[in-house]
Amino acid sequence: MNAYEAVIIITKKVSEEQLEQVKNKVSELISSNGEIISVDDWGSKKLAYEIKKEQEGYYFLYTFNTKPEFISEFERILRIETNVLKHMVIKKEENK
């Protein structure tokens, strides 16, 4: 298993309940295919540039371990999720 980080930006148009649903969906998806190390809620921030005509979003940083095959499926699901404005998954460097 490899270590990854994922930054996910969720639209500000969601209610608190919908925000929790998206967070739980992402957490469950990662947990069922690996292990979550941490989830950091960065809160609401102004976007560096407009995305889908929005200027703000909720930022979350997930740190997790999983198999490399899972990442393409994870990114596919995030692209389909309508409340996710943007996401980026990176593989962390191994300490040698």
PDB file of N, CA and C in Angstrom:
ATOM      1  N   MET A   1       0.840  -1.182   0.000  1.00  0.00           N
ATOM      2  CA  MET A   1       0.000   0.000   0.000  1.00  0.00           C
ATOM      3  C   MET A   1       0.882   1.240   0.000  1.00  0.00           C
ATOM      4  N   ASN A   2       0.408   2.257  -0.707  1.00  0.00           N
ATOM      5  CA  ASN A   2       1.125   3.513  -0.809  1.00  0.00           C
ATOM      6  C   ASN A   2       0.402   4.603  -0.034  1.00  0.00           C
ATOM      7  N   ALA A   3       1.136   5.652   0.336  1.00  0.00           N
ATOM      8  CA  ALA A   3       0.560   6.792   1.044  1.00  0.00           C
ATOM      9  C   ALA A   3       0.146   7.857   0.029  1.00  0.00           C
ATOM     10  N   TYR A   4      -1.052   8.413   0.212  1.00  0.00           N
ATOM     11  CA  TYR A   4      -1.593   9.436  -0.676  1.00  0.00           C
ATOM     12  C   TYR A   4      -2.184  10.584   0.124  1.00  0.00           C
ATOM     13  N   GLU A   5      -2.293  11.727  -0.534  1.00  0.00           N
ATOM     14  CA  GLU A   5      -3.032  12.876  -0.009  1.00  0.00           C
ATOM     15  C   GLU A   5      -4.023  13.305  -1.078  1.00  0.00           C
ATOM     16  N   ALA A   6      -5.217  13.679  -0.636  1.00  0.00           N
ATOM     17  CA  ALA A   6      -6.235  14.162  -1.562  1.00  0.00           C
ATOM     18  C   ALA A   6      -6.811  15.461  -1.017  1.00  0.00           C
ATOM     19  N   VAL A   7      -6.772  16.510  -1.827  1.00  0.00           N
ATOM     20  CA  VAL A   7      -7.436  17.764  -1.490  1.00  0.00           C
ATOM     21  C   VAL A   7      -8.737  17.783  -2.284  1.00  0.00           C
ATOM     22  N   ILE A   8      -9.831  18.002  -1.572  1.00  0.00           N
ATOM     23  CA  ILE A   8     -11.147  18.009  -2.202  1.00  0.00           C
ATOM     24  C   ILE A   8     -11.832  19.327  -1.870  1.00  0.00           C
ATOM     25  N   ILE A   9     -12.325  20.010  -2.898  1.00  0.00           N
ATOM     26  CA  ILE A   9     -13.044  21.273  -2.712  1.00  0.00           C
ATOM     27  C   ILE A   9     -14.518  21.014  -3.004  1.00  0.00           C
ATOM     28  N   ILE A  10     -15.350  21.312  -2.010  1.00  0.00           N
ATOM     29  CA  ILE A  10     -16.791  21.091  -2.121  1.00  0.00           C
ATOM     30  C   ILE A  10     -17.487  22.435  -2.263  1.00  0.00           C
ATOM     31  N   THR A  11     -18.504  22.489  -3.116  1.00  0.00           N
ATOM     32  CA  THR A  11     -19.230  23.718  -3.382  1.00  0.00           C
ATOM     33  C   THR A  11     -19.829  24.323  -2.103  1.00  0.00           C
ATOM     34  N   LYS A  12     -19.926  25.640  -2.067  1.00  0.00           N
ATOM     35  CA  LYS A  12     -20.539  26.340  -0.935  1.00  0.00           C
ATOM     36  C   LYS A  12     -22.060  26.293  -0.994  1.00  0.00           C
ATOM     37  N   LYS A  13     -22.610  25.792  -2.097  1.00  0.00           N
ATOM     38  CA  LYS A  13     -24.066  25.764  -2.276  1.00  0.00           C
ATOM     39  C   LYS A  13     -24.741  24.641  -1.503  1.00  0.00           C
ATOM     40  N   VAL A  14     -23.977  23.790  -0.830  1.00  0.00           N
ATOM     41  CA  VAL A  14     -24.554  22.656  -0.110  1.00  0.00           C
ATOM     42  C   VAL A  14     -24.954  23.063   1.307  1.00  0.00           C
ATOM     43  N   SER A  15     -25.934  22.340   1.860  1.00  0.00           N
ATOM     44  CA  SER A  15     -26.318  22.546   3.253  1.00  0.00           C
ATOM     45  C   SER A  15     -25.314  21.810   4.143  1.00  0.00           C
ATOM     46  N   GLU A  16     -25.393  22.047   5.444  1.00  0.00           N
ATOM     47  CA  GLU A  16     -24.511  21.354   6.387  1.00  0.00           C
ATOM     48  C   GLU A  16     -24.694  19.834   6.283  1.00  0.00           C
ATOM     49  N   GLU A  17     -25.946  19.406   6.122  1.00  0.00           N
ATOM     50  CA  GLU A  17     -26.251  17.981   6.013  1.00  0.00           C
ATOM     51  C   GLU A  17     -25.624  17.377   4.756  1.00  0.00           C
ATOM     52  N   GLN A  18     -25.739  18.076   3.625  1.00  0.00           N
ATOM     53  CA  GLN A  18     -25.145  17.589   2.378  1.00  0.00           C
ATOM     54  C   GLN A  18     -23.623  17.553   2.472  1.00  0.00           C
ATOM     55  N   LEU A  19     -23.041  18.546   3.144  1.00  0.00           N
ATOM     56  CA  LEU A  19     -21.593  18.599   3.327  1.00  0.00           C
ATOM     57  C   LEU A  19     -21.124  17.370   4.103  1.00  0.00           C
ATOM     58  N   GLU A  20     -21.842  17.022   5.171  1.00  0.00           N
ATOM     59  CA  GLU A  20     -21.511  15.836   5.954  1.00  0.00           C
ATOM     60  C   GLU A  20     -21.660  14.564   5.123  1.00  0.00           C
ATOM     61  N   GLN A  21     -22.692  14.515   4.275  1.00  0.00           N
ATOM     62  CA  GLN A  21     -22.900  13.342   3.427  1.00  0.00           C
ATOM     63  C   GLN A  21     -21.734  13.138   2.469  1.00  0.00           C
ATOM     64  N   VAL A  22     -21.261  14.223   1.859  1.00  0.00           N
ATOM     65  CA  VAL A  22     -20.131  14.121   0.926  1.00  0.00           C
ATOM     66  C   VAL A  22     -18.872  13.690   1.675  1.00  0.00           C
ATOM     67  N   LYS A  23     -18.623  14.299   2.834  1.00  0.00           N
ATOM     68  CA  LYS A  23     -17.451  13.920   3.638  1.00  0.00           C
ATOM     69  C   LYS A  23     -17.513  12.448   4.030  1.00  0.00           C
ATOM     70  N   ASN A  24     -18.682  11.986   4.463  1.00  0.00           N
ATOM     71  CA  ASN A  24     -18.842  10.584   4.866  1.00  0.00           C
ATOM     72  C   ASN A  24     -18.680   9.640   3.685  1.00  0.00           C
ATOM     73  N   LYS A  25     -19.214  10.038   2.527  1.00  0.00           N
ATOM     74  CA  LYS A  25     -19.092   9.208   1.323  1.00  0.00           C
ATOM     75  C   LYS A  25     -17.619   9.019   0.952  1.00  0.00           C
ATOM     76  N   VAL A  26     -16.855  10.113   0.976  1.00  0.00           N
ATOM     77  CA  VAL A  26     -15.431  10.042   0.640  1.00  0.00           C
ATOM     78  C   VAL A  26     -14.689   9.194   1.674  1.00  0.00           C
ATOM     79  N   SER A  27     -14.992   9.408   2.957  1.00  0.00           N
ATOM     80  CA  SER A  27     -14.330   8.648   4.025  1.00  0.00           C
ATOM     81  C   SER A  27     -14.630   7.155   3.914  1.00  0.00           C
ATOM     82  N   GLU A  28     -15.887   6.808   3.659  1.00  0.00           N
ATOM     83  CA  GLU A  28     -16.266   5.399   3.521  1.00  0.00           C
ATOM     84  C   GLU A  28     -15.594   4.756   2.314  1.00  0.00           C
ATOM     85  N   LEU A  29     -15.520   5.506   1.230  1.00  0.00           N
ATOM     86  CA  LEU A  29     -14.884   5.007   0.014  1.00  0.00           C
ATOM     87  C   LEU A  29     -13.414   4.679   0.270  1.00  0.00           C
ATOM     88  N   ILE A  30     -12.717   5.593   0.939  1.00  0.00           N
ATOM     89  CA  ILE A  30     -11.300   5.364   1.244  1.00  0.00           C
ATOM     90  C   ILE A  30     -11.153   4.219   2.236  1.00  0.00           C
ATOM     91  N   SER A  31     -11.972   4.202   3.285  1.00  0.00           N
ATOM     92  CA  SER A  31     -11.876   3.171   4.327  1.00  0.00           C
ATOM     93  C   SER A  31     -12.104   1.772   3.777  1.00  0.00           C
ATOM     94  N   SER A  32     -13.022   1.649   2.815  1.00  0.00           N
ATOM     95  CA  SER A  32     -13.316   0.327   2.271  1.00  0.00           C
ATOM     96  C   SER A  32     -12.217  -0.177   1.334  1.00  0.00           C
ATOM     97  N   ASN A  33     -11.306   0.709   0.942  1.00  0.00           N
ATOM     98  CA  ASN A  33     -10.225   0.316   0.035  1.00  0.00           C
ATOM     99  C   ASN A  33      -8.833   0.575   0.604  1.00  0.00           C
ATOM    100  N   GLY A  34      -8.762   0.929   1.865  1.00  0.00           N
ATOM    101  CA  GLY A  34      -7.480   1.221   2.480  1.00  0.00           C
ATOM    102  C   GLY A  34      -7.689   1.713   3.895  1.00  0.00           C
ATOM    103  N   GLU A  35      -6.812   2.617   4.351  1.00  0.00           N
ATOM    104  CA  GLU A  35      -6.947   3.143   5.704  1.00  0.00           C
ATOM    105  C   GLU A  35      -6.730   4.653   5.700  1.00  0.00           C
ATOM    106  N   ILE A  36      -7.605   5.365   6.417  1.00  0.00           N
ATOM    107  CA  ILE A  36      -7.487   6.815   6.547  1.00  0.00           C
ATOM    108  C   ILE A  36      -6.533   7.123   7.690  1.00  0.00           C
ATOM    109  N   ILE A  37      -5.565   7.993   7.424  1.00  0.00           N
ATOM    110  CA  ILE A  37      -4.633   8.413   8.465  1.00  0.00           C
ATOM    111  C   ILE A  37      -5.163   9.670   9.143  1.00  0.00           C
ATOM    112  N   SER A  38      -5.636  10.629   8.334  1.00  0.00           N
ATOM    113  CA  SER A  38      -6.211  11.849   8.913  1.00  0.00           C
ATOM    114  C   SER A  38      -7.117  12.543   7.906  1.00  0.00           C
ATOM    115  N   VAL A  39      -8.044  13.346   8.454  1.00  0.00           N
ATOM    116  CA  VAL A  39      -8.917  14.192   7.643  1.00  0.00           C
ATOM    117  C   VAL A  39      -8.845  15.584   8.253  1.00  0.00           C
ATOM    118  N   ASP A  40      -8.339  16.544   7.490  1.00  0.00           N
ATOM    119  CA  ASP A  40      -8.229  17.924   7.964  1.00  0.00           C
ATOM    120  C   ASP A  40      -9.290  18.777   7.285  1.00  0.00           C
ATOM    121  N   ASP A  41     -10.100  19.436   8.088  1.00  0.00           N
ATOM    122  CA  ASP A  41     -11.127  20.345   7.589  1.00  0.00           C
ATOM    123  C   ASP A  41     -10.528  21.746   7.576  1.00  0.00           C
ATOM    124  N   TRP A  42     -10.243  22.253   6.387  1.00  0.00           N
ATOM    125  CA  TRP A  42      -9.657  23.585   6.268  1.00  0.00           C
ATOM    126  C   TRP A  42     -10.724  24.672   6.242  1.00  0.00           C
ATOM    127  N   GLY A  43     -11.975  24.278   6.197  1.00  0.00           N
ATOM    128  CA  GLY A  43     -13.075  25.233   6.224  1.00  0.00           C
ATOM    129  C   GLY A  43     -13.310  25.893   4.874  1.00  0.00           C
ATOM    130  N   SER A  44     -14.034  27.000   4.932  1.00  0.00           N
ATOM    131  CA  SER A  44     -14.394  27.727   3.721  1.00  0.00           C
ATOM    132  C   SER A  44     -13.279  28.696   3.341  1.00  0.00           C
ATOM    133  N   LYS A  45     -12.892  28.661   2.077  1.00  0.00           N
ATOM    134  CA  LYS A  45     -11.826  29.548   1.592  1.00  0.00           C
ATOM    135  C   LYS A  45     -12.187  30.086   0.220  1.00  0.00           C
ATOM    136  N   LYS A  46     -11.606  31.246  -0.080  1.00  0.00           N
ATOM    137  CA  LYS A  46     -11.771  31.833  -1.406  1.00  0.00           C
ATOM    138  C   LYS A  46     -10.916  31.040  -2.384  1.00  0.00           C
ATOM    139  N   LEU A  47     -11.486  30.730  -3.539  1.00  0.00           N
ATOM    140  CA  LEU A  47     -10.760  29.993  -4.566  1.00  0.00           C
ATOM    141  C   LEU A  47      -9.754  30.925  -5.253  1.00  0.00           C
ATOM    142  N   ALA A  48      -8.659  30.368  -5.722  1.00  0.00           N
ATOM    143  CA  ALA A  48      -7.654  31.155  -6.436  1.00  0.00           C
ATOM    144  C   ALA A  48      -8.206  31.665  -7.763  1.00  0.00           C
ATOM    145  N   TYR A  49      -9.116  30.904  -8.352  1.00  0.00           N
ATOM    146  CA  TYR A  49      -9.783  31.307  -9.591  1.00  0.00           C
ATOM    147  C   TYR A  49     -11.185  30.721  -9.587  1.00  0.00           C
ATOM    148  N   GLU A  50     -12.047  31.280 -10.378  1.00  0.00           N
ATOM    149  CA  GLU A  50     -13.433  30.845 -10.422  1.00  0.00           C
ATOM    150  C   GLU A  50     -13.559  29.439 -11.016  1.00  0.00           C
ATOM    151  N   ILE A  51     -14.311  28.578 -10.333  1.00  0.00           N
ATOM    152  CA  ILE A  51     -14.566  27.218 -10.808  1.00  0.00           C
ATOM    153  C   ILE A  51     -16.074  27.041 -10.885  1.00  0.00           C
ATOM    154  N   LYS A  52     -16.577  26.712 -12.055  1.00  0.00           N
ATOM    155  CA  LYS A  52     -18.020  26.523 -12.265  1.00  0.00           C
ATOM    156  C   LYS A  52     -18.824  27.710 -11.724  1.00  0.00           C
ATOM    157  N   LYS A  53     -18.329  28.912 -11.987  1.00  0.00           N
ATOM    158  CA  LYS A  53     -18.939  30.180 -11.584  1.00  0.00           C
ATOM    159  C   LYS A  53     -19.031  30.358 -10.070  1.00  0.00           C
ATOM    160  N   GLU A  54     -18.171  29.694  -9.331  1.00  0.00           N
ATOM    161  CA  GLU A  54     -18.124  29.844  -7.880  1.00  0.00           C
ATOM    162  C   GLU A  54     -16.778  30.402  -7.466  1.00  0.00           C
ATOM    163  N   GLN A  55     -16.793  31.201  -6.382  1.00  0.00           N
ATOM    164  CA  GLN A  55     -15.572  31.848  -5.928  1.00  0.00           C
ATOM    165  C   GLN A  55     -15.103  31.361  -4.562  1.00  0.00           C
ATOM    166  N   GLU A  56     -15.910  30.527  -3.891  1.00  0.00           N
ATOM    167  CA  GLU A  56     -15.538  29.974  -2.596  1.00  0.00           C
ATOM    168  C   GLU A  56     -15.888  28.500  -2.537  1.00  0.00           C
ATOM    169  N   GLY A  57     -15.219  27.779  -1.626  1.00  0.00           N
ATOM    170  CA  GLY A  57     -15.514  26.361  -1.456  1.00  0.00           C
ATOM    171  C   GLY A  57     -15.022  25.857  -0.110  1.00  0.00           C
ATOM    172  N   TYR A  58     -15.492  24.683   0.281  1.00  0.00           N
ATOM    173  CA  TYR A  58     -15.031  24.017   1.499  1.00  0.00           C
ATOM    174  C   TYR A  58     -13.881  23.093   1.134  1.00  0.00           C
ATOM    175  N   TYR A  59     -12.761  23.256   1.843  1.00  0.00           N
ATOM    176  CA  TYR A  59     -11.554  22.476   1.557  1.00  0.00           C
ATOM    177  C   TYR A  59     -11.370  21.370   2.590  1.00  0.00           C
ATOM    178  N   PHE A  60     -11.008  20.175   2.093  1.00  0.00           N
ATOM    179  CA  PHE A  60     -10.702  19.036   2.964  1.00  0.00           C
ATOM    180  C   PHE A  60      -9.440  18.357   2.468  1.00  0.00           C
ATOM    181  N   LEU A  61      -8.576  17.964   3.400  1.00  0.00           N
ATOM    182  CA  LEU A  61      -7.353  17.230   3.075  1.00  0.00           C
ATOM    183  C   LEU A  61      -7.442  15.846   3.711  1.00  0.00           C
ATOM    184  N   TYR A  62      -7.431  14.825   2.876  1.00  0.00           N
ATOM    185  CA  TYR A  62      -7.443  13.433   3.331  1.00  0.00           C
ATOM    186  C   TYR A  62      -6.050  12.861   3.157  1.00  0.00           C
ATOM    187  N   THR A  63      -5.515  12.244   4.201  1.00  0.00           N
ATOM    188  CA  THR A  63      -4.249  11.524   4.134  1.00  0.00           C
ATOM    189  C   THR A  63      -4.587  10.058   4.372  1.00  0.00           C
ATOM    190  N   PHE A  64      -4.163   9.193   3.444  1.00  0.00           N
ATOM    191  CA  PHE A  64      -4.574   7.793   3.533  1.00  0.00           C
ATOM    192  C   PHE A  64      -3.591   6.859   2.851  1.00  0.00           C
ATOM    193  N   ASN A  65      -3.727   5.580   3.171  1.00  0.00           N
ATOM    194  CA  ASN A  65      -2.941   4.512   2.543  1.00  0.00           C
ATOM    195  C   ASN A  65      -3.887   3.626   1.750  1.00  0.00           C
ATOM    196  N   THR A  66      -3.505   3.278   0.535  1.00  0.00           N
ATOM    197  CA  THR A  66      -4.322   2.394  -0.293  1.00  0.00           C
ATOM    198  C   THR A  66      -3.471   1.802  -1.403  1.00  0.00           C
ATOM    199  N   LYS A  67      -4.071   0.880  -2.135  1.00  0.00           N
ATOM    200  CA  LYS A  67      -3.397   0.276  -3.276  1.00  0.00           C
ATOM    201  C   LYS A  67      -3.481   1.229  -4.471  1.00  0.00           C
ATOM    202  N   PRO A  68      -2.462   1.245  -5.322  1.00  0.00           N
ATOM    203  CA  PRO A  68      -2.459   2.158  -6.480  1.00  0.00           C
ATOM    204  C   PRO A  68      -3.648   1.972  -7.418  1.00  0.00           C
ATOM    205  N   GLU A  69      -4.177   0.757  -7.527  1.00  0.00           N
ATOM    206  CA  GLU A  69      -5.293   0.504  -8.445  1.00  0.00           C
ATOM    207  C   GLU A  69      -6.558   1.270  -8.047  1.00  0.00           C
ATOM    208  N   PHE A  70      -6.691   1.591  -6.777  1.00  0.00           N
ATOM    209  CA  PHE A  70      -7.890   2.266  -6.275  1.00  0.00           C
ATOM    210  C   PHE A  70      -7.963   3.729  -6.719  1.00  0.00           C
ATOM    211  N   ILE A  71      -6.838   4.362  -6.950  1.00  0.00           N
ATOM    212  CA  ILE A  71      -6.801   5.804  -7.192  1.00  0.00           C
ATOM    213  C   ILE A  71      -7.598   6.208  -8.437  1.00  0.00           C
ATOM    214  N   SER A  72      -7.501   5.487  -9.526  1.00  0.00           N
ATOM    215  CA  SER A  72      -8.240   5.857 -10.736  1.00  0.00           C
ATOM    216  C   SER A  72      -9.750   5.763 -10.506  1.00  0.00           C
ATOM    217  N   GLU A  73     -10.202   4.747  -9.786  1.00  0.00           N
ATOM    218  CA  GLU A  73     -11.632   4.611  -9.464  1.00  0.00           C
ATOM    219  C   GLU A  73     -12.077   5.727  -8.512  1.00  0.00           C
ATOM    220  N   PHE A  74     -11.253   6.052  -7.537  1.00  0.00           N
ATOM    221  CA  PHE A  74     -11.531   7.127  -6.576  1.00  0.00           C
ATOM    222  C   PHE A  74     -11.704   8.457  -7.307  1.00  0.00           C
ATOM    223  N   GLU A  75     -10.786   8.764  -8.217  1.00  0.00           N
ATOM    224  CA  GLU A  75     -10.870  10.013  -8.978  1.00  0.00           C
ATOM    225  C   GLU A  75     -12.097  10.025  -9.893  1.00  0.00           C
ATOM    226  N   ARG A  76     -12.454   8.879 -10.459  1.00  0.00           N
ATOM    227  CA  ARG A  76     -13.640   8.791 -11.308  1.00  0.00           C
ATOM    228  C   ARG A  76     -14.899   9.127 -10.501  1.00  0.00           C
ATOM    229  N   ILE A  77     -15.000   8.593  -9.301  1.00  0.00           N
ATOM    230  CA  ILE A  77     -16.163   8.855  -8.446  1.00  0.00           C
ATOM    231  C   ILE A  77     -16.203  10.325  -8.038  1.00  0.00           C
ATOM    232  N   LEU A  78     -15.052  10.921  -7.746  1.00  0.00           N
ATOM    233  CA  LEU A  78     -15.018  12.342  -7.380  1.00  0.00           C
ATOM    234  C   LEU A  78     -15.445  13.227  -8.554  1.00  0.00           C
ATOM    235  N   ARG A  79     -15.079  12.855  -9.785  1.00  0.00           N
ATOM    236  CA  ARG A  79     -15.495  13.630 -10.960  1.00  0.00           C
ATOM    237  C   ARG A  79     -17.004  13.576 -11.145  1.00  0.00           C
ATOM    238  N   ILE A  80     -17.606  12.432 -10.813  1.00  0.00           N
ATOM    239  CA  ILE A  80     -19.056  12.257 -10.971  1.00  0.00           C
ATOM    240  C   ILE A  80     -19.830  13.017  -9.895  1.00  0.00           C
ATOM    241  N   GLU A  81     -19.279  13.105  -8.686  1.00  0.00           N
ATOM    242  CA  GLU A  81     -19.964  13.755  -7.553  1.00  0.00           C
ATOM    243  C   GLU A  81     -20.202  15.239  -7.872  1.00  0.00           C
ATOM    244  N   THR A  82     -21.468  15.637  -7.943  1.00  0.00           N
ATOM    245  CA  THR A  82     -21.819  16.993  -8.375  1.00  0.00           C
ATOM    246  C   THR A  82     -21.409  18.078  -7.380  1.00  0.00           C
ATOM    247  N   ASN A  83     -21.284  17.738  -6.094  1.00  0.00           N
ATOM    248  CA  ASN A  83     -20.928  18.741  -5.089  1.00  0.00           C
ATOM    249  C   ASN A  83     -19.423  18.980  -4.974  1.00  0.00           C
ATOM    250  N   VAL A  84     -18.622  18.168  -5.655  1.00  0.00           N
ATOM    251  CA  VAL A  84     -17.169  18.348  -5.641  1.00  0.00           C
ATOM    252  C   VAL A  84     -16.794  19.267  -6.807  1.00  0.00           C
ATOM    253  N   LEU A  85     -16.229  20.437  -6.461  1.00  0.00           N
ATOM    254  CA  LEU A  85     -15.807  21.379  -7.503  1.00  0.00           C
ATOM    255  C   LEU A  85     -14.495  20.938  -8.139  1.00  0.00           C
ATOM    256  N   LYS A  86     -13.560  20.519  -7.305  1.00  0.00           N
ATOM    257  CA  LYS A  86     -12.213  20.186  -7.774  1.00  0.00           C
ATOM    258  C   LYS A  86     -11.593  19.199  -6.798  1.00  0.00           C
ATOM    259  N   HIS A  87     -10.688  18.380  -7.297  1.00  0.00           N
ATOM    260  CA  HIS A  87      -9.959  17.461  -6.429  1.00  0.00           C
ATOM    261  C   HIS A  87      -8.572  17.225  -7.003  1.00  0.00           C
ATOM    262  N   MET A  88      -7.663  16.832  -6.126  1.00  0.00           N
ATOM    263  CA  MET A  88      -6.319  16.481  -6.559  1.00  0.00           C
ATOM    264  C   MET A  88      -5.789  15.405  -5.615  1.00  0.00           C
ATOM    265  N   VAL A  89      -5.338  14.300  -6.186  1.00  0.00           N
ATOM    266  CA  VAL A  89      -4.777  13.200  -5.410  1.00  0.00           C
ATOM    267  C   VAL A  89      -3.306  13.072  -5.788  1.00  0.00           C
ATOM    268  N   ILE A  90      -2.441  13.064  -4.769  1.00  0.00           N
ATOM    269  CA  ILE A  90      -1.006  12.910  -5.037  1.00  0.00           C
ATOM    270  C   ILE A  90      -0.440  11.782  -4.177  1.00  0.00           C
ATOM    271  N   LYS A  91       0.551  11.102  -4.721  1.00  0.00           N
ATOM    272  CA  LYS A  91       1.246  10.068  -3.967  1.00  0.00           C
ATOM    273  C   LYS A  91       2.331  10.734  -3.148  1.00  0.00           C
ATOM    274  N   LYS A  92       2.374  10.402  -1.869  1.00  0.00           N
ATOM    275  CA  LYS A  92       3.389  10.991  -0.983  1.00  0.00           C
ATOM    276  C   LYS A  92       4.718  10.282  -1.192  1.00  0.00           C
ATOM    277  N   GLU A  93       5.785  11.024  -1.017  1.00  0.00           N
ATOM    278  CA  GLU A  93       7.129  10.464  -1.100  1.00  0.00           C
ATOM    279  C   GLU A  93       7.378   9.528   0.057  1.00  0.00           C
ATOM    280  N   GLU A  94       8.075   8.433  -0.226  1.00  0.00           N
ATOM    281  CA  GLU A  94       8.460   7.510   0.839  1.00  0.00           C
ATOM    282  C   GLU A  94       9.737   8.012   1.484  1.00  0.00           C
ATOM    283  N   ASN A  95       9.784   7.967   2.823  1.00  0.00           N
ATOM    284  CA  ASN A  95      11.001   8.367   3.532  1.00  0.00           C
ATOM    285  C   ASN A  95      11.996   7.224   3.512  1.00  0.00           C
ATOM    286  N   LYS A  96      13.176   7.506   2.974  1.00  0.00           N
ATOM    287  CA  LYS A  96      14.201   6.469   2.884  1.00  0.00           C
ATOM    288  C   LYS A  96      15.382   6.837   3.727  1.00  0.00           C
TER     289      LYS A  96
END
